[in-house]
Amino acid sequence: MRLLSHMLSRFVQAGRLRITDAGGVVRDFAGKAPGPFVSVRFHDPGLQRKMFLSPGLAVGEAYMDGTLTFEDGTSLRDLFTLYGHNYQALDRYPLQALFRAIGRRLRWLQQYNPIGKSQQHVAHHYDLSRELFELFLDEDMQYSCAYFGDGVRSLEEAQAAKKRHIAAKLRLDGAKRVLDIGSGWGGMAMTLAELAPVEVLGVTLSTEQQKLAEERARRRGLSDRVTFELRDYRQIEQRFDRIVSVGMFEHVGAAYYDEFFGKVRELLTDDGVMVLHSIGRMEPPGTTAAWLRKYIFPGGYSPALSEVMAAVERQGLWVSDIEILRVHYAETLAAWHERFQAQRERIAKLYDERFCRMWEFYLLACENEFRLGSCMVFQMQLGRKRDAVPFTRDYITDTERRYGNMATAAE
């Protein structure tokens, strides 16, 4: 416990952490600044060593396995809040700083996503039971950051607003063919086809998503204009007037950014427009947390804008608009977590209690990263030509309002 105590005494700069070890010994670590109080109990003597070597991975696994529990009325959310106030101090701790530097050297291996391997990584998460996602997502099964604009309160409203916001940036007027890279369960593609007379091809690497998307398109009477294929975007050859990608870029990997944007340039018509919606970070390039990489998103990585922009520039694309969504995903994840907890008993029957604790850890950890950490979402508008879209942003707001009025009239 001595090594762990040394690290924790430097970690807790704000708030207070109480640890009761497996032998019943209680230790308090208090910062000089005010902050949350968290009380945890270790039920495994080996947990102290694991936490010293890899605190994020060890805490997540211990919570999943039940060898770390909370006391004194505190909770997992309190622990993440405490971490959010102190994570920079932990990152500066010599051993953790060394491991982060080694991780950056090895991230090419962590993000190894060639054709074939990408599908294995996607299947790990997105080919889970369809019922699981239906239990906590909105009605349209949008599994990405919602858009909580003025007056928007419910998750359903925020996800519909997100789709209209992206559609407005795509400037669908005059477009004929649209490509949706990473089409999920089909909601974005079908929305675009309902907003404008376009044909949409959605591609995904998830067999479960592709099957459900096809079913939904048939039910909505869109099968003649919206199709979904189980296909890697790198295998597509035809050109498109518009390309959209929502929540897929996080699975590309930094070593493949030039390949991604080079393919986008190849697939876009000369006056085509793309909108890329992705998680990013407001700090320099780094790595994906070990626990998240192991249990939730193998091969995944949320980039720094500096990495994205460098690849875009090398591929000769114009960036016509960038928008940063800062707390929107925190609110989205909070809504998902609330719905997950409301359906926890049913989810435990689908899987088991350990799975439920794993997903609780995932949802709360990610919410904390968007609320107190360095994560954000960016929307980037791209084109081959400088004048692919108007030179002012007024058309985005105007089109978005028009789409909103269409939705209101249809209700």
Protein backbone atom coordinates (compact mmCIF):
# COMPACT_ATOMS: atom_id res chain seq x y z
CA MET A 1 0.00 0.00 0.00
CA ARG A 2 2.99 2.29 0.47
CA LEU A 3 3.59 2.83 -3.27
CA LEU A 4 -0.10 3.35 -3.95
CA SER A 5 -0.35 5.77 -1.03
CA HIS A 6 2.55 7.76 -2.43
CA MET A 7 0.78 8.08 -5.78
CA LEU A 8 -2.64 8.87 -4.31
CA SER A 9 -1.23 11.54 -2.00
CA ARG A 10 -0.12 13.39 -5.12
CA PHE A 11 -3.26 12.55 -7.09
CA VAL A 12 -5.83 13.99 -4.69
CA GLN A 13 -5.39 17.76 -4.94
CA ALA A 14 -9.11 18.55 -4.56
CA GLY A 15 -11.63 16.61 -2.49
CA ARG A 16 -11.03 13.56 -0.33
CA LEU A 17 -10.57 9.84 -0.99
CA ARG A 18 -10.95 7.20 1.72
CA ILE A 19 -9.71 3.67 1.07
CA THR A 20 -10.37 0.68 3.31
CA ASP A 21 -8.05 -2.11 2.22
CA ALA A 22 -8.76 -5.85 2.29
CA GLY A 23 -7.29 -6.06 5.79
CA GLY A 24 -9.58 -3.34 7.15
CA VAL A 25 -6.94 -0.60 7.34
CA VAL A 26 -8.40 2.85 6.54
CA ARG A 27 -6.42 5.58 4.81
CA ASP A 28 -7.58 9.08 3.89
CA PHE A 29 -6.14 11.22 1.11
CA ALA A 30 -7.28 14.82 1.26
CA GLY A 31 -6.49 17.65 -1.12
CA LYS A 32 -6.09 21.29 -0.19
CA ALA A 33 -8.91 22.40 -2.51
CA PRO A 34 -12.58 21.56 -1.91
CA GLY A 35 -14.10 18.73 -3.90
CA PRO A 36 -16.13 15.51 -3.67
CA PHE A 37 -15.69 12.85 -1.01
CA VAL A 38 -15.39 9.19 -2.06
CA SER A 39 -15.11 6.13 0.14
CA VAL A 40 -14.13 2.77 -1.37
CA ARG A 41 -13.34 -0.66 0.00
CA PHE A 42 -10.90 -3.15 -1.53
CA HIS A 43 -11.85 -6.82 -1.25
CA ASP A 44 -8.73 -8.16 -2.97
CA PRO A 45 -5.24 -7.72 -1.41
CA GLY A 46 -3.71 -7.71 -4.90
CA LEU A 47 -5.74 -4.70 -5.99
CA GLN A 48 -3.30 -2.24 -4.44
CA ARG A 49 -0.45 -3.32 -6.70
CA LYS A 50 -2.71 -3.35 -9.78
CA MET A 51 -3.94 0.15 -9.03
CA PHE A 52 -0.43 1.49 -8.69
CA LEU A 53 0.65 0.05 -12.04
CA SER A 54 -2.52 0.84 -14.04
CA PRO A 55 -5.12 2.72 -11.98
CA GLY A 56 -7.71 3.20 -14.72
CA LEU A 57 -7.69 -0.41 -15.86
CA ALA A 58 -7.55 -1.78 -12.30
CA VAL A 59 -10.43 0.34 -10.99
CA GLY A 60 -12.64 -0.60 -13.93
CA GLU A 61 -11.94 -4.31 -13.62
CA ALA A 62 -12.33 -4.26 -9.84
CA TYR A 63 -15.71 -2.54 -10.13
CA MET A 64 -16.84 -5.08 -12.73
CA ASP A 65 -15.67 -7.99 -10.56
CA GLY A 66 -17.06 -6.60 -7.30
CA THR A 67 -13.65 -6.41 -5.63
CA LEU A 68 -14.07 -2.64 -5.28
CA THR A 69 -17.23 -1.33 -3.63
CA PHE A 70 -18.39 2.05 -2.33
CA GLU A 71 -19.23 3.03 1.25
CA ASP A 72 -20.51 5.97 3.28
CA GLY A 73 -23.21 6.77 0.73
CA THR A 74 -20.73 7.47 -2.07
CA SER A 75 -20.96 6.06 -5.59
CA LEU A 76 -19.16 5.39 -8.84
CA ARG A 77 -20.30 8.77 -10.15
CA ASP A 78 -18.61 10.42 -7.13
CA LEU A 79 -15.38 8.62 -7.98
CA PHE A 80 -15.44 9.89 -11.56
CA THR A 81 -16.15 13.41 -10.33
CA LEU A 82 -13.16 13.19 -8.00
CA TYR A 83 -11.04 11.94 -10.90
CA GLY A 84 -12.27 14.76 -13.11
CA HIS A 85 -10.99 17.30 -10.58
CA ASN A 86 -7.59 15.61 -10.24
CA TYR A 87 -6.68 13.66 -13.39
CA GLN A 88 -3.96 16.08 -14.48
CA ALA A 89 -2.06 15.44 -11.25
CA LEU A 90 -2.23 11.70 -11.88
CA ASP A 91 -1.02 12.16 -15.46
CA ARG A 92 2.03 14.02 -14.13
CA TYR A 93 2.97 11.25 -11.69
CA PRO A 94 6.33 9.88 -13.00
CA LEU A 95 5.26 6.26 -13.48
CA GLN A 96 1.98 7.18 -15.17
CA ALA A 97 3.73 9.76 -17.36
CA LEU A 98 6.18 7.04 -18.43
CA PHE A 99 3.38 4.61 -19.28
CA ARG A 100 1.59 7.31 -21.27
CA ALA A 101 4.75 7.98 -23.27
CA ILE A 102 5.17 4.26 -23.97
CA GLY A 103 1.50 4.06 -24.96
CA ARG A 104 1.92 6.84 -27.50
CA ARG A 105 4.82 4.91 -29.05
CA LEU A 106 2.66 1.78 -29.33
CA ARG A 107 -0.59 3.36 -30.42
CA TRP A 108 -0.13 2.19 -34.02
CA LEU A 109 -0.58 -1.33 -32.63
CA GLN A 110 -3.51 -0.33 -30.42
CA GLN A 111 -5.23 1.24 -33.45
CA TYR A 112 -4.45 -1.48 -36.00
CA ASN A 113 -7.52 -1.27 -38.26
CA PRO A 114 -6.91 -2.68 -41.74
CA ILE A 115 -9.80 -4.11 -43.76
CA GLY A 116 -11.01 -7.23 -41.95
CA LYS A 117 -9.58 -6.34 -38.56
CA SER A 118 -11.85 -3.28 -38.47
CA GLN A 119 -14.88 -5.54 -38.75
CA GLN A 120 -13.71 -7.66 -35.81
CA HIS A 121 -13.33 -4.52 -33.68
CA VAL A 122 -16.76 -3.24 -34.69
CA ALA A 123 -18.43 -6.59 -33.99
CA HIS A 124 -17.04 -6.58 -30.42
CA HIS A 125 -19.37 -3.71 -29.53
CA TYR A 126 -22.00 -3.12 -32.18
CA ASP A 127 -23.01 -6.75 -32.70
CA LEU A 128 -24.25 -7.06 -29.14
CA SER A 129 -27.93 -7.83 -28.70
CA ARG A 130 -30.25 -5.52 -30.62
CA GLU A 131 -32.51 -5.48 -27.57
CA LEU A 132 -29.74 -4.02 -25.42
CA PHE A 133 -29.50 -0.89 -27.55
CA GLU A 134 -33.28 -0.62 -27.95
CA LEU A 135 -33.59 -0.47 -24.16
CA PHE A 136 -31.59 2.72 -23.63
CA LEU A 137 -31.30 4.61 -26.94
CA ASP A 138 -33.89 6.98 -28.38
CA GLU A 139 -36.67 5.76 -30.69
CA ASP A 140 -34.49 6.22 -33.80
CA MET A 141 -31.55 4.38 -32.17
CA GLN A 142 -29.03 7.18 -32.56
CA TYR A 143 -25.83 6.01 -30.86
CA SER A 144 -23.87 9.27 -31.04
CA CYS A 145 -23.85 12.74 -29.51
CA ALA A 146 -27.24 14.48 -29.52
CA TYR A 147 -27.72 18.22 -30.02
CA PHE A 148 -29.28 19.99 -27.04
CA GLY A 149 -30.14 23.34 -28.54
CA ASP A 150 -32.31 26.02 -26.95
CA GLY A 151 -35.57 24.57 -25.70
CA VAL A 152 -34.54 20.97 -26.35
CA ARG A 153 -35.03 18.79 -23.30
CA SER A 154 -35.73 15.16 -24.20
CA LEU A 155 -33.25 12.75 -25.77
CA GLU A 156 -35.63 12.16 -28.67
CA GLU A 157 -35.81 15.89 -29.43
CA ALA A 158 -32.04 16.29 -29.13
CA GLN A 159 -31.28 13.39 -31.48
CA ALA A 160 -33.77 14.69 -34.05
CA ALA A 161 -32.14 18.12 -33.75
CA LYS A 162 -28.71 16.55 -34.32
CA LYS A 163 -29.85 14.95 -37.57
CA ARG A 164 -31.39 18.21 -38.83
CA HIS A 165 -28.25 20.10 -37.87
CA ILE A 166 -26.04 17.75 -39.88
CA ALA A 167 -28.49 17.61 -42.79
CA ALA A 168 -28.47 21.41 -43.01
CA LYS A 169 -24.66 21.42 -43.24
CA LEU A 170 -24.82 18.83 -46.03
CA ARG A 171 -26.84 21.26 -48.14
CA LEU A 172 -28.95 18.56 -49.75
CA ASP A 173 -30.64 20.86 -52.28
CA GLY A 174 -29.56 19.69 -55.72
CA ALA A 175 -27.87 16.53 -54.42
CA LYS A 176 -28.77 13.13 -55.86
CA ARG A 177 -26.57 10.50 -54.22
CA VAL A 178 -25.47 10.40 -50.57
CA LEU A 179 -23.04 8.04 -48.85
CA ASP A 180 -23.36 7.38 -45.10
CA ILE A 181 -20.08 5.91 -43.81
CA GLY A 182 -20.78 3.98 -40.63
CA SER A 183 -24.56 4.09 -41.00
CA GLY A 184 -25.43 2.40 -37.70
CA TRP A 185 -29.06 1.36 -37.44
CA GLY A 186 -29.98 3.59 -40.36
CA GLY A 187 -31.59 6.61 -38.72
CA MET A 188 -29.37 9.25 -40.30
CA ALA A 189 -29.64 7.81 -43.80
CA MET A 190 -33.43 7.51 -43.60
CA THR A 191 -33.79 11.03 -42.21
CA LEU A 192 -31.81 12.46 -45.14
CA ALA A 193 -34.06 10.62 -47.60
CA GLU A 194 -37.14 11.99 -45.85
CA LEU A 195 -35.83 15.55 -45.92
CA ALA A 196 -34.78 15.59 -49.58
CA PRO A 197 -35.30 13.51 -52.77
CA VAL A 198 -31.91 11.77 -52.55
CA GLU A 199 -30.70 8.20 -52.82
CA VAL A 200 -28.65 7.10 -49.83
CA LEU A 201 -26.19 4.23 -49.50
CA GLY A 202 -25.30 3.34 -45.93
CA VAL A 203 -22.29 1.14 -45.20
CA THR A 204 -21.51 -0.51 -41.89
CA LEU A 205 -19.25 -3.29 -40.61
CA SER A 206 -21.85 -4.53 -38.11
CA THR A 207 -24.06 -7.40 -39.31
CA GLU A 208 -26.65 -6.64 -36.62
CA GLN A 209 -26.85 -2.97 -37.61
CA GLN A 210 -27.13 -3.74 -41.30
CA LYS A 211 -29.99 -6.22 -40.80
CA LEU A 212 -31.99 -3.89 -38.58
CA ALA A 213 -31.36 -0.87 -40.83
CA GLU A 214 -32.77 -2.77 -43.81
CA GLU A 215 -35.84 -3.78 -41.81
CA ARG A 216 -36.43 -0.21 -40.68
CA ALA A 217 -36.09 1.17 -44.21
CA ARG A 218 -38.74 -1.29 -45.41
CA ARG A 219 -41.10 -0.33 -42.59
CA ARG A 220 -40.69 3.38 -43.41
CA GLY A 221 -41.26 2.79 -47.13
CA LEU A 222 -37.77 3.93 -48.09
CA SER A 223 -36.26 0.76 -49.54
CA ASP A 224 -36.39 2.21 -53.07
CA ARG A 225 -34.08 5.10 -52.11
CA VAL A 226 -32.16 3.92 -49.06
CA THR A 227 -29.97 0.81 -49.05
CA PHE A 228 -27.53 -0.58 -46.51
CA GLU A 229 -24.52 -2.77 -47.20
CA LEU A 230 -22.14 -4.72 -44.99
CA ARG A 231 -19.05 -3.16 -46.50
CA ASP A 232 -15.84 -1.32 -45.68
CA TYR A 233 -15.88 2.25 -46.99
CA ARG A 234 -12.48 1.60 -48.57
CA GLN A 235 -14.10 -0.87 -50.98
CA ILE A 236 -16.51 1.68 -52.50
CA GLU A 237 -15.79 3.01 -55.99
CA GLN A 238 -18.74 5.13 -57.19
CA ARG A 239 -18.88 8.89 -56.52
CA PHE A 240 -21.36 10.81 -54.36
CA ASP A 241 -22.68 14.36 -54.15
CA ARG A 242 -22.74 14.21 -50.38
CA ILE A 243 -20.97 12.10 -47.75
CA VAL A 244 -21.84 11.96 -44.07
CA SER A 245 -20.12 10.05 -41.30
CA VAL A 246 -21.40 10.15 -37.73
CA GLY A 247 -19.62 8.34 -34.89
CA MET A 248 -17.49 6.18 -37.18
CA PHE A 249 -14.24 8.16 -37.41
CA GLU A 250 -13.33 7.16 -33.84
CA HIS A 251 -12.77 3.63 -35.20
CA VAL A 252 -10.42 4.63 -38.04
CA GLY A 253 -7.14 5.00 -36.15
CA ALA A 254 -4.59 7.80 -36.56
CA ALA A 255 -2.37 5.80 -38.92
CA TYR A 256 -5.30 5.56 -41.37
CA TYR A 257 -6.38 9.22 -41.47
CA ASP A 258 -4.63 9.92 -44.77
CA GLU A 259 -6.28 6.84 -46.25
CA PHE A 260 -9.68 7.95 -44.94
CA PHE A 261 -9.55 11.51 -46.28
CA GLY A 262 -7.92 10.37 -49.51
CA LYS A 263 -10.88 8.03 -50.04
CA VAL A 264 -13.33 10.84 -49.20
CA ARG A 265 -11.70 13.03 -51.85
CA GLU A 266 -11.90 10.18 -54.36
CA LEU A 267 -15.60 9.49 -53.63
CA LEU A 268 -16.81 13.11 -53.64
CA THR A 269 -18.01 14.73 -56.85
CA ASP A 270 -16.19 17.91 -57.81
CA ASP A 271 -18.75 20.13 -56.04
CA GLY A 272 -19.52 17.56 -53.34
CA VAL A 273 -19.77 18.18 -49.59
CA MET A 274 -18.94 15.97 -46.61
CA VAL A 275 -19.87 16.38 -42.95
CA LEU A 276 -17.77 14.46 -40.44
CA HIS A 277 -19.14 14.14 -36.88
CA SER A 278 -16.66 12.63 -34.42
CA ILE A 279 -15.46 12.60 -30.85
CA GLY A 280 -12.19 14.50 -30.41
CA ARG A 281 -9.96 15.90 -27.70
CA MET A 282 -8.95 19.48 -26.83
CA GLU A 283 -5.41 18.43 -26.00
CA PRO A 284 -2.42 17.11 -27.98
CA PRO A 285 -2.48 13.59 -29.50
CA GLY A 286 -2.62 10.76 -27.00
CA THR A 287 -3.99 7.25 -26.57
CA THR A 288 -7.25 5.57 -25.66
CA ALA A 289 -7.66 4.62 -21.99
CA ALA A 290 -6.61 1.01 -21.42
CA TRP A 291 -9.91 -0.09 -19.87
CA LEU A 292 -12.03 1.45 -22.66
CA ARG A 293 -9.76 -0.05 -25.30
CA LYS A 294 -9.90 -3.52 -23.75
CA TYR A 295 -13.59 -3.82 -22.90
CA ILE A 296 -15.61 -1.37 -25.02
CA PHE A 297 -13.91 -0.05 -28.17
CA PRO A 298 -10.90 -2.13 -29.27
CA GLY A 299 -8.98 -0.25 -31.94
CA GLY A 300 -10.78 3.00 -31.12
CA TYR A 301 -9.23 6.45 -30.71
CA SER A 302 -10.60 9.99 -30.40
CA PRO A 303 -8.20 12.35 -32.17
CA ALA A 304 -6.81 15.79 -31.54
CA LEU A 305 -7.87 18.28 -34.19
CA SER A 306 -4.21 18.79 -35.07
CA GLU A 307 -4.04 15.17 -36.25
CA VAL A 308 -7.22 15.49 -38.30
CA MET A 309 -6.33 18.81 -39.89
CA ALA A 310 -2.88 17.61 -40.93
CA ALA A 311 -4.38 14.65 -42.80
CA VAL A 312 -7.09 16.81 -44.39
CA GLU A 313 -4.44 19.25 -45.63
CA ARG A 314 -2.29 16.48 -47.07
CA GLN A 315 -5.26 15.17 -49.05
CA GLY A 316 -6.09 18.57 -50.51
CA LEU A 317 -9.59 19.04 -49.07
CA TRP A 318 -11.15 22.39 -48.18
CA VAL A 319 -12.44 22.77 -44.62
CA SER A 320 -15.46 25.06 -44.97
CA ASP A 321 -16.80 24.80 -41.42
CA ILE A 322 -15.85 23.40 -38.00
CA GLU A 323 -18.13 23.37 -34.97
CA ILE A 324 -17.16 22.14 -31.50
CA LEU A 325 -19.85 20.58 -29.30
CA ARG A 326 -18.54 20.62 -25.75
CA VAL A 327 -21.10 19.41 -23.20
CA HIS A 328 -23.73 17.97 -25.56
CA TYR A 329 -22.31 14.46 -25.30
CA ALA A 330 -22.19 14.63 -21.52
CA GLU A 331 -25.93 15.29 -21.53
CA THR A 332 -26.46 12.48 -24.06
CA LEU A 333 -24.52 9.98 -21.96
CA ALA A 334 -26.35 11.05 -18.80
CA ALA A 335 -29.66 10.31 -20.56
CA TRP A 336 -28.39 6.92 -21.73
CA HIS A 337 -27.19 6.05 -18.23
CA GLU A 338 -30.55 6.99 -16.72
CA ARG A 339 -32.38 4.81 -19.24
CA PHE A 340 -29.88 1.99 -18.78
CA GLN A 341 -30.49 2.00 -15.03
CA ALA A 342 -34.25 2.00 -15.56
CA GLN A 343 -33.86 -1.20 -17.63
CA ARG A 344 -31.05 -2.71 -15.59
CA GLU A 345 -32.99 -5.79 -14.50
CA ARG A 346 -33.87 -6.68 -18.09
CA ILE A 347 -30.29 -6.06 -19.26
CA ALA A 348 -28.94 -8.31 -16.49
CA LYS A 349 -31.18 -11.09 -17.81
CA LEU A 350 -29.85 -10.53 -21.33
CA TYR A 351 -26.26 -10.73 -20.09
CA ASP A 352 -25.29 -10.75 -16.40
CA GLU A 353 -24.49 -8.51 -13.45
CA ARG A 354 -20.85 -8.11 -14.45
CA PHE A 355 -21.91 -6.84 -17.88
CA CYS A 356 -24.19 -4.29 -16.23
CA ARG A 357 -21.38 -3.00 -14.05
CA MET A 358 -19.09 -2.84 -17.09
CA TRP A 359 -21.60 -0.66 -18.96
CA GLU A 360 -22.26 1.52 -15.93
CA PHE A 361 -18.53 2.16 -15.75
CA TYR A 362 -18.39 2.88 -19.49
CA LEU A 363 -21.31 5.32 -19.57
CA LEU A 364 -20.28 7.23 -16.45
CA ALA A 365 -16.59 7.34 -17.41
CA CYS A 366 -17.42 8.80 -20.80
CA GLU A 367 -19.91 11.30 -19.38
CA ASN A 368 -17.22 12.49 -16.99
CA GLU A 369 -14.71 12.93 -19.83
CA PHE A 370 -17.10 15.26 -21.64
CA ARG A 371 -18.15 17.12 -18.50
CA LEU A 372 -14.82 17.49 -16.68
CA GLY A 373 -12.15 16.00 -18.94
CA SER A 374 -10.67 16.79 -22.35
CA CYS A 375 -13.22 15.21 -24.69
CA MET A 376 -15.48 17.08 -27.09
CA VAL A 377 -17.28 16.45 -30.39
CA PHE A 378 -16.40 18.20 -33.63
CA GLN A 379 -18.38 18.55 -36.83
CA MET A 380 -16.20 19.26 -39.85
CA GLN A 381 -17.54 20.25 -43.25
CA LEU A 382 -15.30 19.34 -46.18
CA GLY A 383 -15.24 19.74 -49.94
CA ARG A 384 -13.02 19.48 -52.99
CA LYS A 385 -13.75 23.10 -53.99
CA ARG A 386 -13.61 26.32 -51.98
CA ASP A 387 -17.10 27.34 -53.15
CA ALA A 388 -18.88 24.02 -52.60
CA VAL A 389 -21.03 25.81 -49.98
CA PRO A 390 -21.95 29.51 -49.52
CA PHE A 391 -19.34 31.79 -47.99
CA THR A 392 -21.44 32.61 -44.91
CA ARG A 393 -23.13 30.24 -42.46
CA ASP A 394 -26.63 31.71 -42.72
CA TYR A 395 -27.82 28.87 -44.94
CA ILE A 396 -27.20 26.37 -42.12
CA THR A 397 -29.54 28.14 -39.70
CA ASP A 398 -32.14 28.82 -42.39
CA THR A 399 -32.20 25.22 -43.59
CA GLU A 400 -32.25 23.85 -40.08
CA ARG A 401 -35.31 25.94 -39.26
CA ARG A 402 -37.01 24.80 -42.46
CA TYR A 403 -36.39 21.17 -41.53
CA GLY A 404 -37.72 21.85 -38.04
CA ASN A 405 -40.91 23.35 -39.48
CA MET A 406 -41.29 20.28 -41.71
CA ALA A 407 -41.06 18.02 -38.68
CA THR A 408 -43.60 20.11 -36.76
CA ALA A 409 -46.02 20.06 -39.69
CA ALA A 410 -45.71 16.27 -39.96
CA GLU A 411 -46.66 15.70 -36.30
